[in-house]
Amino acid sequence: MHIDERSRYLKEMGITEWSVRSTANDSEPTASPTAESQHAIPNQEPKVYWLFYGQAPGGDQERLFQNMILALGLLPKEWEWRSPTNTQTPNTHLPCVAFAFGEQAAQVLSGEQEPLTQLRDVVLEIAGQDIPLIASFDLAHCLNRPKDKALVWQDLLLARSVLQSL
């Protein structure tokens, strides 16, 4: 994915500035959640695994979520969407992080009862598992309050940082 295309996706999410941090080991991430991209990059192996939890997105929420996936540069094999009740351990050897969209998902997964404002900006854990969990606003909230998309992006960056430290 080109820088211009990423910038466009981030702009749609209400994020005006961002920068790519790279190390000598990192290559330019290339991703798209479509089947086309899987065929375009057949030899690229997944390096990380994301579990996204919340109410299944549809319509504009699905579009926003797909833009987030593209902005993160995730391959289709590097993530899955789950219901908050699905706490089955993922079948992967890759470093894994969970991301909860919404207060209810965050509370169900973590076992905590605090409001979302207190669960955000903290690295939680899926109850009974050794999988880090980051809580954020749900997608409907982001569409109703576009300025909060930047906060969700910060939460996604926190999750990516946690993954990089695993």
Protein backbone atom coordinates (compact mmCIF):
# COMPACT_ATOMS: atom_id res chain seq x y z
CA MET A 1 0.00 0.00 0.00
CA HIS A 2 1.33 3.41 -0.91
CA ILE A 3 1.73 6.28 1.55
CA ASP A 4 -0.87 8.35 -0.32
CA GLU A 5 -3.44 5.59 -0.02
CA ARG A 6 -2.78 5.18 3.72
CA SER A 7 -3.06 8.93 4.20
CA ARG A 8 -6.44 8.87 2.50
CA TYR A 9 -7.70 6.10 4.81
CA LEU A 10 -6.42 7.88 7.90
CA LYS A 11 -8.00 11.14 6.75
CA GLU A 12 -11.34 9.31 6.41
CA MET A 13 -10.94 8.23 10.04
CA GLY A 14 -10.39 11.84 11.08
CA ILE A 15 -6.64 11.50 11.62
CA THR A 16 -4.64 14.32 10.10
CA GLU A 17 -1.05 13.43 11.01
CA TRP A 18 0.83 10.20 11.31
CA SER A 19 4.26 8.81 10.69
CA VAL A 20 5.60 5.37 9.97
CA ARG A 21 8.26 4.10 12.30
CA SER A 22 10.45 1.50 10.76
CA THR A 23 13.42 -0.52 11.86
CA ALA A 24 16.02 -2.27 9.79
CA ASN A 25 13.96 -5.49 10.00
CA ASP A 26 10.68 -3.93 8.94
CA SER A 27 9.61 -3.78 5.36
CA GLU A 28 6.86 -1.61 3.95
CA PRO A 29 3.65 -3.31 5.11
CA THR A 30 1.34 -4.25 2.29
CA ALA A 31 -2.23 -5.23 3.05
CA SER A 32 -5.80 -5.35 1.98
CA PRO A 33 -8.59 -7.38 3.48
CA THR A 34 -9.84 -8.34 0.03
CA ALA A 35 -9.26 -11.61 -1.73
CA GLU A 36 -7.40 -9.69 -4.44
CA SER A 37 -4.58 -8.81 -2.06
CA GLN A 38 -4.19 -12.40 -0.91
CA HIS A 39 -3.48 -13.36 -4.49
CA ALA A 40 -1.27 -10.32 -5.07
CA ILE A 41 1.04 -11.29 -2.17
CA PRO A 42 0.94 -15.08 -2.09
CA ASN A 43 4.28 -15.60 -0.33
CA GLN A 44 3.90 -13.06 2.46
CA GLU A 45 3.46 -14.86 5.77
CA PRO A 46 1.59 -13.39 8.74
CA LYS A 47 3.81 -12.04 11.51
CA VAL A 48 1.22 -11.09 14.14
CA TYR A 49 -2.38 -11.91 14.99
CA TRP A 50 -5.16 -9.52 16.01
CA LEU A 51 -8.46 -10.52 17.60
CA PHE A 52 -11.09 -7.80 17.14
CA TYR A 53 -14.12 -8.06 19.42
CA GLY A 54 -17.44 -6.25 19.44
CA GLN A 55 -20.77 -6.07 17.73
CA ALA A 56 -20.34 -7.25 14.14
CA PRO A 57 -19.97 -4.18 11.91
CA GLY A 58 -22.14 -3.52 8.91
CA GLY A 59 -22.58 -0.68 6.45
CA ASP A 60 -20.58 2.42 7.37
CA GLN A 61 -19.17 0.66 10.45
CA GLU A 62 -17.77 -2.11 8.22
CA ARG A 63 -16.23 0.47 5.91
CA LEU A 64 -14.61 2.27 8.86
CA PHE A 65 -13.28 -1.02 10.23
CA GLN A 66 -11.85 -2.05 6.85
CA ASN A 67 -10.13 1.34 6.61
CA MET A 68 -8.58 0.73 10.03
CA ILE A 69 -7.31 -2.67 8.87
CA LEU A 70 -5.82 -1.08 5.77
CA ALA A 71 -4.22 1.74 7.76
CA LEU A 72 -2.64 -0.80 10.11
CA GLY A 73 -1.30 -2.67 7.10
CA LEU A 74 -2.70 -6.02 8.24
CA LEU A 75 -2.79 -9.02 5.95
CA PRO A 76 -6.08 -10.95 5.78
CA LYS A 77 -4.46 -13.86 7.67
CA GLU A 78 -3.34 -11.56 10.50
CA TRP A 79 -6.73 -10.80 12.04
CA GLU A 80 -10.21 -12.04 12.77
CA TRP A 81 -13.47 -10.54 14.05
CA ARG A 82 -15.09 -12.23 17.03
CA SER A 83 -18.11 -11.89 19.25
CA PRO A 84 -17.16 -10.94 22.85
CA THR A 85 -18.52 -14.30 23.99
CA ASN A 86 -15.96 -16.17 21.86
CA THR A 87 -12.98 -16.42 24.18
CA GLN A 88 -11.58 -19.56 22.59
CA THR A 89 -7.79 -19.43 22.41
CA PRO A 90 -6.76 -18.65 18.83
CA ASN A 91 -5.06 -21.44 16.93
CA THR A 92 -1.85 -19.58 16.14
CA HIS A 93 1.77 -19.50 17.24
CA LEU A 94 2.03 -15.81 16.31
CA PRO A 95 2.19 -12.95 18.84
CA CYS A 96 -1.44 -12.06 19.54
CA VAL A 97 -3.33 -9.03 20.82
CA ALA A 98 -7.05 -8.54 21.41
CA PHE A 99 -8.86 -5.27 20.68
CA ALA A 100 -12.32 -4.65 22.17
CA PHE A 101 -14.64 -2.21 20.41
CA GLY A 102 -16.99 -0.86 23.07
CA GLU A 103 -17.50 -0.93 26.81
CA GLN A 104 -19.56 -4.10 26.87
CA ALA A 105 -16.99 -6.09 24.88
CA ALA A 106 -14.16 -4.78 27.07
CA GLN A 107 -15.99 -5.66 30.29
CA VAL A 108 -17.05 -9.13 29.14
CA LEU A 109 -13.55 -10.02 27.93
CA SER A 110 -11.56 -8.57 30.82
CA GLY A 111 -13.97 -9.32 33.66
CA GLU A 112 -13.63 -5.68 34.78
CA GLN A 113 -16.69 -3.57 35.63
CA GLU A 114 -15.22 -0.08 35.25
CA PRO A 115 -16.58 2.25 32.55
CA LEU A 116 -14.79 2.42 29.21
CA THR A 117 -13.17 5.74 30.14
CA GLN A 118 -11.20 3.88 32.82
CA LEU A 119 -10.49 0.80 30.70
CA ARG A 120 -8.98 2.76 27.80
CA ASP A 121 -5.25 3.55 27.73
CA VAL A 122 -4.57 0.47 29.88
CA VAL A 123 -3.26 -2.90 28.78
CA LEU A 124 -5.81 -5.37 30.09
CA GLU A 125 -5.89 -9.13 29.61
CA ILE A 126 -8.57 -11.49 28.38
CA ALA A 127 -9.83 -13.14 31.58
CA GLY A 128 -8.21 -16.52 32.09
CA GLN A 129 -5.82 -16.14 29.16
CA ASP A 130 -2.43 -14.61 28.61
CA ILE A 131 -3.62 -12.41 25.72
CA PRO A 132 -3.25 -8.63 26.09
CA LEU A 133 -6.47 -6.69 25.57
CA ILE A 134 -6.90 -3.06 24.55
CA ALA A 135 -10.31 -1.40 24.99
CA SER A 136 -11.64 1.37 22.80
CA PHE A 137 -14.83 3.02 21.57
CA ASP A 138 -17.18 0.99 19.41
CA LEU A 139 -17.48 1.72 15.72
CA ALA A 140 -20.96 3.26 16.02
CA HIS A 141 -19.57 5.74 18.56
CA CYS A 142 -16.82 6.72 16.09
CA LEU A 143 -19.37 7.40 13.38
CA ASN A 144 -21.51 9.49 15.73
CA ARG A 145 -18.51 11.37 17.15
CA PRO A 146 -15.90 11.59 14.36
CA LYS A 147 -13.38 13.43 16.56
CA ASP A 148 -13.08 10.28 18.68
CA LYS A 149 -11.70 8.34 15.70
CA ALA A 150 -8.31 9.79 16.61
CA LEU A 151 -8.64 8.25 20.09
CA VAL A 152 -9.44 4.87 18.55
CA TRP A 153 -6.35 5.24 16.37
CA GLN A 154 -4.28 5.91 19.51
CA ASP A 155 -5.73 2.74 21.02
CA LEU A 156 -4.83 0.79 17.87
CA LEU A 157 -1.29 2.14 18.07
CA LEU A 158 -1.11 1.04 21.72
CA ALA A 159 -2.19 -2.45 20.66
CA ARG A 160 0.44 -2.49 17.91
CA SER A 161 3.05 -1.38 20.44
CA VAL A 162 2.05 -4.22 22.77
CA LEU A 163 2.39 -6.68 19.88
CA GLN A 164 5.85 -5.40 19.05
CA SER A 165 6.95 -5.97 22.64
CA LEU A 166 5.80 -9.62 22.69
